[in-house]
Amino acid sequence: MNIFLANLENFTTLVEPHMSPHTVSLAQAETTKNLIAGIWRRNRTQVLARLELLECTATAVAAESLTLPLLEEALSTSHKLAGSLGMFGFGEGTQLARVLEQQLESALPNAGVMLVTIARLREVLFPDSLGVPSLVTSH
């Protein structure tokens, strides 16, 4: 158990010592779920910015104008997404980010594959927005 969850468990037990272990577990799960949902809401803008960067990168790949700095930033971005999305319960999002990372690591990234993958990633992460792709801005 990591320190955060251990502290959360101790806090819940201290606040409501009359609860049964099962009730405490349910309360902990709900508290943890709410904390993670709050973190997701606070990071939504950053995730959208990361998707924008990946879209710009795919556009640069299509135009054969991908620069090394943009490639490096996009690789870092796709790696961060792949590593963090699972924490928020987006297993498919992690897999999609890995596809993007693999495309960027390949000698000849495929812009079409990247754009389709990014569109699907948007649908998975932001289903309320219907996965509508944003306007790609120059980066």
C-alpha atoms as a PDB file:
ATOM      1  CA  MET A   1       0.000   0.000   0.000  1.00  0.00           C
ATOM      2  CA  ASN A   2       1.470   3.373  -0.878  1.00  0.00           C
ATOM      3  CA  ILE A   3       1.840   6.184   1.652  1.00  0.00           C
ATOM      4  CA  PHE A   4      -1.074   8.189   0.226  1.00  0.00           C
ATOM      5  CA  LEU A   5      -3.532   5.331   0.586  1.00  0.00           C
ATOM      6  CA  ALA A   6      -2.158   4.389   4.024  1.00  0.00           C
ATOM      7  CA  ASN A   7      -2.667   7.960   5.227  1.00  0.00           C
ATOM      8  CA  LEU A   8      -6.119   8.011   3.676  1.00  0.00           C
ATOM      9  CA  GLU A   9      -6.968   4.771   5.503  1.00  0.00           C
ATOM     10  CA  ASN A  10      -5.742   6.169   8.826  1.00  0.00           C
ATOM     11  CA  PHE A  11      -7.667   9.406   8.285  1.00  0.00           C
ATOM     12  CA  THR A  12     -10.901   7.592   7.491  1.00  0.00           C
ATOM     13  CA  THR A  13     -10.525   5.351  10.539  1.00  0.00           C
ATOM     14  CA  LEU A  14      -9.827   8.329  12.786  1.00  0.00           C
ATOM     15  CA  VAL A  15     -12.717  10.370  11.454  1.00  0.00           C
ATOM     16  CA  GLU A  16     -15.278   7.582  11.635  1.00  0.00           C
ATOM     17  CA  PRO A  17     -14.028   4.915  14.097  1.00  0.00           C
ATOM     18  CA  HIS A  18     -17.539   3.471  14.557  1.00  0.00           C
ATOM     19  CA  MET A  19     -17.653   2.157  10.991  1.00  0.00           C
ATOM     20  CA  SER A  20     -17.159  -1.529  10.238  1.00  0.00           C
ATOM     21  CA  PRO A  21     -14.065  -2.504   8.185  1.00  0.00           C
ATOM     22  CA  HIS A  22     -16.312  -3.145   5.166  1.00  0.00           C
ATOM     23  CA  THR A  23     -17.944   0.276   5.470  1.00  0.00           C
ATOM     24  CA  VAL A  24     -14.544   1.907   5.951  1.00  0.00           C
ATOM     25  CA  SER A  25     -13.308   0.175   2.779  1.00  0.00           C
ATOM     26  CA  LEU A  26     -16.308   1.445   0.829  1.00  0.00           C
ATOM     27  CA  ALA A  27     -15.792   4.934   2.245  1.00  0.00           C
ATOM     28  CA  GLN A  28     -12.104   4.778   1.351  1.00  0.00           C
ATOM     29  CA  ALA A  29     -12.881   3.645  -2.168  1.00  0.00           C
ATOM     30  CA  GLU A  30     -15.381   6.455  -2.619  1.00  0.00           C
ATOM     31  CA  THR A  31     -12.965   9.017  -1.172  1.00  0.00           C
ATOM     32  CA  THR A  32     -10.157   7.784  -3.409  1.00  0.00           C
ATOM     33  CA  LYS A  33     -12.455   7.809  -6.438  1.00  0.00           C
ATOM     34  CA  ASN A  34     -13.473  11.399  -5.675  1.00  0.00           C
ATOM     35  CA  LEU A  35      -9.854  12.493  -5.193  1.00  0.00           C
ATOM     36  CA  ILE A  36      -8.800  10.938  -8.497  1.00  0.00           C
ATOM     37  CA  ALA A  37     -11.804  12.500 -10.267  1.00  0.00           C
ATOM     38  CA  GLY A  38     -10.786  15.899  -8.865  1.00  0.00           C
ATOM     39  CA  ILE A  39      -7.219  15.450 -10.069  1.00  0.00           C
ATOM     40  CA  TRP A  40      -8.540  14.472 -13.521  1.00  0.00           C
ATOM     41  CA  ARG A  41     -10.724  17.597 -13.682  1.00  0.00           C
ATOM     42  CA  ARG A  42      -7.780  19.809 -12.696  1.00  0.00           C
ATOM     43  CA  ASN A  43      -5.544  18.202 -15.342  1.00  0.00           C
ATOM     44  CA  ARG A  44      -8.080  18.239 -18.192  1.00  0.00           C
ATOM     45  CA  THR A  45      -6.556  21.368 -19.746  1.00  0.00           C
ATOM     46  CA  GLN A  46      -3.083  19.854 -19.639  1.00  0.00           C
ATOM     47  CA  VAL A  47      -4.303  16.631 -21.257  1.00  0.00           C
ATOM     48  CA  LEU A  48      -6.047  18.628 -24.001  1.00  0.00           C
ATOM     49  CA  ALA A  49      -2.834  20.582 -24.588  1.00  0.00           C
ATOM     50  CA  ARG A  50      -0.937  17.305 -24.900  1.00  0.00           C
ATOM     51  CA  LEU A  51      -3.424  16.055 -27.483  1.00  0.00           C
ATOM     52  CA  GLU A  52      -3.038  19.353 -29.380  1.00  0.00           C
ATOM     53  CA  LEU A  53       0.729  18.877 -29.438  1.00  0.00           C
ATOM     54  CA  LEU A  54       0.328  15.349 -30.769  1.00  0.00           C
ATOM     55  CA  GLU A  55      -2.065  16.599 -33.466  1.00  0.00           C
ATOM     56  CA  CYS A  56       0.466  19.251 -34.491  1.00  0.00           C
ATOM     57  CA  THR A  57       3.113  16.559 -34.631  1.00  0.00           C
ATOM     58  CA  ALA A  58       0.964  14.323 -36.842  1.00  0.00           C
ATOM     59  CA  THR A  59       0.306  17.286 -39.131  1.00  0.00           C
ATOM     60  CA  ALA A  60       4.057  17.957 -39.325  1.00  0.00           C
ATOM     61  CA  VAL A  61       4.653  14.277 -40.138  1.00  0.00           C
ATOM     62  CA  ALA A  62       2.082  14.505 -42.960  1.00  0.00           C
ATOM     63  CA  ALA A  63       3.727  17.657 -44.299  1.00  0.00           C
ATOM     64  CA  GLU A  64       7.187  16.095 -43.950  1.00  0.00           C
ATOM     65  CA  SER A  65       8.209  19.033 -41.768  1.00  0.00           C
ATOM     66  CA  LEU A  66       8.711  17.306 -38.430  1.00  0.00           C
ATOM     67  CA  THR A  67      11.581  18.909 -36.522  1.00  0.00           C
ATOM     68  CA  LEU A  68      13.729  17.154 -33.955  1.00  0.00           C
ATOM     69  CA  PRO A  69      12.560  19.389 -31.068  1.00  0.00           C
ATOM     70  CA  LEU A  70       8.889  18.724 -31.920  1.00  0.00           C
ATOM     71  CA  LEU A  71       9.565  14.994 -32.245  1.00  0.00           C
ATOM     72  CA  GLU A  72      11.301  14.917 -28.857  1.00  0.00           C
ATOM     73  CA  GLU A  73       8.488  16.860 -27.191  1.00  0.00           C
ATOM     74  CA  ALA A  74       5.856  14.625 -28.779  1.00  0.00           C
ATOM     75  CA  LEU A  75       7.711  11.488 -27.680  1.00  0.00           C
ATOM     76  CA  SER A  76       7.864  12.801 -24.129  1.00  0.00           C
ATOM     77  CA  THR A  77       4.185  13.760 -24.257  1.00  0.00           C
ATOM     78  CA  SER A  78       2.995  10.392 -25.571  1.00  0.00           C
ATOM     79  CA  HIS A  79       5.148   8.633 -22.959  1.00  0.00           C
ATOM     80  CA  LYS A  80       3.657  10.761 -20.150  1.00  0.00           C
ATOM     81  CA  LEU A  81       0.130  10.039 -21.367  1.00  0.00           C
ATOM     82  CA  ALA A  82       0.820   6.310 -21.610  1.00  0.00           C
ATOM     83  CA  GLY A  83       2.176   6.331 -18.082  1.00  0.00           C
ATOM     84  CA  SER A  84      -0.523   8.413 -16.440  1.00  0.00           C
ATOM     85  CA  LEU A  85      -3.839   7.545 -18.084  1.00  0.00           C
ATOM     86  CA  GLY A  86      -4.064   4.150 -16.398  1.00  0.00           C
ATOM     87  CA  MET A  87      -4.062   5.850 -13.009  1.00  0.00           C
ATOM     88  CA  PHE A  88      -7.319   7.528 -14.017  1.00  0.00           C
ATOM     89  CA  GLY A  89      -8.855   4.265 -15.228  1.00  0.00           C
ATOM     90  CA  PHE A  90      -8.221   4.805 -18.936  1.00  0.00           C
ATOM     91  CA  GLY A  91      -6.625   1.475 -19.888  1.00  0.00           C
ATOM     92  CA  GLU A  92      -7.516   1.946 -23.545  1.00  0.00           C
ATOM     93  CA  GLY A  93      -6.104   5.469 -23.366  1.00  0.00           C
ATOM     94  CA  THR A  94      -2.794   4.048 -22.167  1.00  0.00           C
ATOM     95  CA  GLN A  95      -2.739   1.606 -25.083  1.00  0.00           C
ATOM     96  CA  LEU A  96      -3.534   4.360 -27.581  1.00  0.00           C
ATOM     97  CA  ALA A  97      -0.809   6.611 -26.179  1.00  0.00           C
ATOM     98  CA  ARG A  98       1.635   3.710 -26.538  1.00  0.00           C
ATOM     99  CA  VAL A  99       0.639   3.356 -30.206  1.00  0.00           C
ATOM    100  CA  LEU A 100       1.479   7.050 -30.666  1.00  0.00           C
ATOM    101  CA  GLU A 101       4.774   6.619 -28.850  1.00  0.00           C
ATOM    102  CA  GLN A 102       5.661   3.635 -31.052  1.00  0.00           C
ATOM    103  CA  GLN A 103       4.759   5.592 -34.190  1.00  0.00           C
ATOM    104  CA  LEU A 104       7.031   8.433 -33.107  1.00  0.00           C
ATOM    105  CA  GLU A 105       9.856   6.023 -32.309  1.00  0.00           C
ATOM    106  CA  SER A 106       9.649   4.427 -35.753  1.00  0.00           C
ATOM    107  CA  ALA A 107      11.821   5.541 -38.639  1.00  0.00           C
ATOM    108  CA  LEU A 108       8.749   6.532 -40.672  1.00  0.00           C
ATOM    109  CA  PRO A 109       5.802   7.585 -38.482  1.00  0.00           C
ATOM    110  CA  ASN A 110       2.443   7.268 -40.217  1.00  0.00           C
ATOM    111  CA  ALA A 111       0.457  10.515 -39.930  1.00  0.00           C
ATOM    112  CA  GLY A 112      -2.824   8.771 -40.797  1.00  0.00           C
ATOM    113  CA  VAL A 113      -2.391   6.200 -38.037  1.00  0.00           C
ATOM    114  CA  MET A 114      -1.436   8.963 -35.630  1.00  0.00           C
ATOM    115  CA  LEU A 115      -4.470  11.130 -36.436  1.00  0.00           C
ATOM    116  CA  VAL A 116      -6.910   8.219 -36.162  1.00  0.00           C
ATOM    117  CA  THR A 117      -5.288   7.178 -32.870  1.00  0.00           C
ATOM    118  CA  ILE A 118      -5.486  10.730 -31.500  1.00  0.00           C
ATOM    119  CA  ALA A 119      -9.151  10.997 -32.512  1.00  0.00           C
ATOM    120  CA  ARG A 120      -9.911   7.729 -30.710  1.00  0.00           C
ATOM    121  CA  LEU A 121      -7.929   8.914 -27.689  1.00  0.00           C
ATOM    122  CA  ARG A 122     -10.094  12.055 -27.559  1.00  0.00           C
ATOM    123  CA  GLU A 123     -13.242   9.894 -27.684  1.00  0.00           C
ATOM    124  CA  VAL A 124     -11.977   7.709 -24.852  1.00  0.00           C
ATOM    125  CA  LEU A 125     -10.839  10.568 -22.617  1.00  0.00           C
ATOM    126  CA  PHE A 126     -13.611  13.058 -23.348  1.00  0.00           C
ATOM    127  CA  PRO A 127     -16.743  11.147 -24.391  1.00  0.00           C
ATOM    128  CA  ASP A 128     -18.975  14.140 -23.639  1.00  0.00           C
ATOM    129  CA  SER A 129     -17.283  16.140 -26.390  1.00  0.00           C
ATOM    130  CA  LEU A 130     -18.044  13.334 -28.883  1.00  0.00           C
ATOM    131  CA  GLY A 131     -14.336  13.166 -29.735  1.00  0.00           C
ATOM    132  CA  VAL A 132     -14.642  16.191 -31.970  1.00  0.00           C
ATOM    133  CA  PRO A 133     -11.102  17.005 -33.019  1.00  0.00           C
ATOM    134  CA  SER A 134      -9.885  20.432 -32.142  1.00  0.00           C
ATOM    135  CA  LEU A 135      -8.581  22.884 -34.643  1.00  0.00           C
ATOM    136  CA  VAL A 136      -4.930  22.112 -35.122  1.00  0.00           C
ATOM    137  CA  THR A 137      -2.844  25.149 -34.421  1.00  0.00           C
ATOM    138  CA  SER A 138       0.743  25.608 -35.425  1.00  0.00           C
ATOM    139  CA  HIS A 139       3.190  24.644 -32.743  1.00  0.00           C
END
